């Protein structure tokens, strides 16, 4: 499953996007400060999904800038965010 995290950068007038590949269905997502595997906190989107191979719920952290606003998880990338996704690759 391919999802897209889109956001607007406050005070910069720019847009950003991240592509997210999940092996199973999305269960939920939160925005905030979360620790990564080594315990260091990062600002980002915590995505929960069901992994069909293991049968368990998994969590993935996607980093985004701290000044990001209007954060959304989408199944299609809107045209206005496509340029931001292409420039990040």
Protein backbone atom coordinates (compact mmCIF):
# COMPACT_ATOMS: atom_id res chain seq x y z
CA UNK A 1 0.00 0.00 0.00
CA UNK A 2 1.43 3.38 -0.98
CA UNK A 3 0.45 6.40 1.12
CA UNK A 4 1.63 9.99 1.09
CA UNK A 5 2.24 12.30 4.04
CA UNK A 6 1.72 15.91 2.94
CA UNK A 7 2.43 19.08 4.90
CA UNK A 8 2.88 22.83 4.56
CA UNK A 9 5.93 24.54 6.01
CA UNK A 10 4.89 27.43 8.24
CA UNK A 11 6.65 30.76 7.64
CA UNK A 12 8.26 29.39 4.47
CA UNK A 13 5.31 29.22 2.08
CA UNK A 14 6.47 25.81 0.82
CA UNK A 15 4.90 22.38 0.65
CA UNK A 16 6.42 19.02 1.45
CA UNK A 17 5.56 15.37 0.93
CA UNK A 18 6.88 11.95 1.92
CA UNK A 19 6.05 8.64 0.28
CA UNK A 20 5.25 5.78 2.61
CA UNK A 21 5.15 2.10 1.63
CA UNK A 22 3.20 -0.16 3.99
CA UNK A 23 2.83 -3.94 3.66
CA UNK A 24 -0.66 -3.88 5.19
CA UNK A 25 -3.61 -1.65 6.05
CA UNK A 26 -3.21 1.63 7.93
CA UNK A 27 -4.57 1.50 11.49
CA UNK A 28 -3.89 5.08 12.58
CA UNK A 29 -1.41 7.95 12.75
CA UNK A 30 -0.26 10.65 15.19
CA UNK A 31 1.91 13.77 14.90
CA UNK A 32 4.41 14.71 17.59
CA UNK A 33 7.81 14.03 19.15
CA UNK A 34 8.56 10.30 19.17
CA UNK A 35 11.66 8.27 20.07
CA UNK A 36 13.25 6.24 17.29
CA UNK A 37 14.73 2.75 17.82
CA UNK A 38 17.79 4.18 19.60
CA UNK A 39 15.69 6.40 21.89
CA UNK A 40 16.44 9.77 20.25
CA UNK A 41 13.31 11.92 19.92
CA UNK A 42 12.36 13.20 16.46
CA UNK A 43 9.44 15.28 15.21
CA UNK A 44 7.35 13.28 12.84
CA UNK A 45 4.35 11.17 12.02
CA UNK A 46 3.95 7.84 13.83
CA UNK A 47 2.10 5.43 11.55
CA UNK A 48 0.49 2.25 12.86
CA UNK A 49 -0.30 -0.56 10.42
CA UNK A 50 -1.09 -4.27 10.39
CA UNK A 51 1.72 -6.45 9.01
CA UNK A 52 0.12 -9.48 7.31
CA UNK A 53 3.41 -11.47 7.40
CA UNK A 54 3.76 -11.34 11.19
CA UNK A 55 0.11 -10.82 12.08
CA UNK A 56 1.09 -8.00 14.47
CA UNK A 57 0.58 -4.27 14.59
CA UNK A 58 3.74 -2.41 13.55
CA UNK A 59 4.81 1.22 14.01
CA UNK A 60 6.85 3.31 11.59
CA UNK A 61 8.15 6.83 12.25
CA UNK A 62 8.39 9.28 9.35
CA UNK A 63 10.36 12.42 10.13
CA UNK A 64 8.97 15.78 9.06
CA UNK A 65 10.21 19.31 9.81
CA UNK A 66 9.19 20.78 13.20
CA UNK A 67 7.59 23.78 11.46
CA UNK A 68 5.22 21.58 9.43
CA UNK A 69 1.49 22.25 9.57
CA UNK A 70 -1.61 21.01 7.74
CA UNK A 71 -0.27 17.45 8.01
CA UNK A 72 -2.31 14.75 6.29
CA UNK A 73 -1.95 11.10 5.30
CA UNK A 74 -3.42 10.51 1.84
CA UNK A 75 -3.81 7.63 -0.58
CA UNK A 76 -3.16 9.90 -3.59
CA UNK A 77 -0.73 12.77 -3.97
CA UNK A 78 -2.45 16.08 -4.82
CA UNK A 79 -1.04 17.98 -7.78
CA UNK A 80 0.16 20.88 -5.60
CA UNK A 81 2.33 18.49 -3.53
CA UNK A 82 3.72 16.44 -6.46
CA UNK A 83 6.60 18.88 -7.11
CA UNK A 84 7.65 18.66 -3.44
CA UNK A 85 7.72 14.85 -3.64
CA UNK A 86 9.72 14.88 -6.87
CA UNK A 87 12.31 17.31 -5.46
CA UNK A 88 12.81 15.20 -2.32
CA UNK A 89 13.77 12.10 -4.31
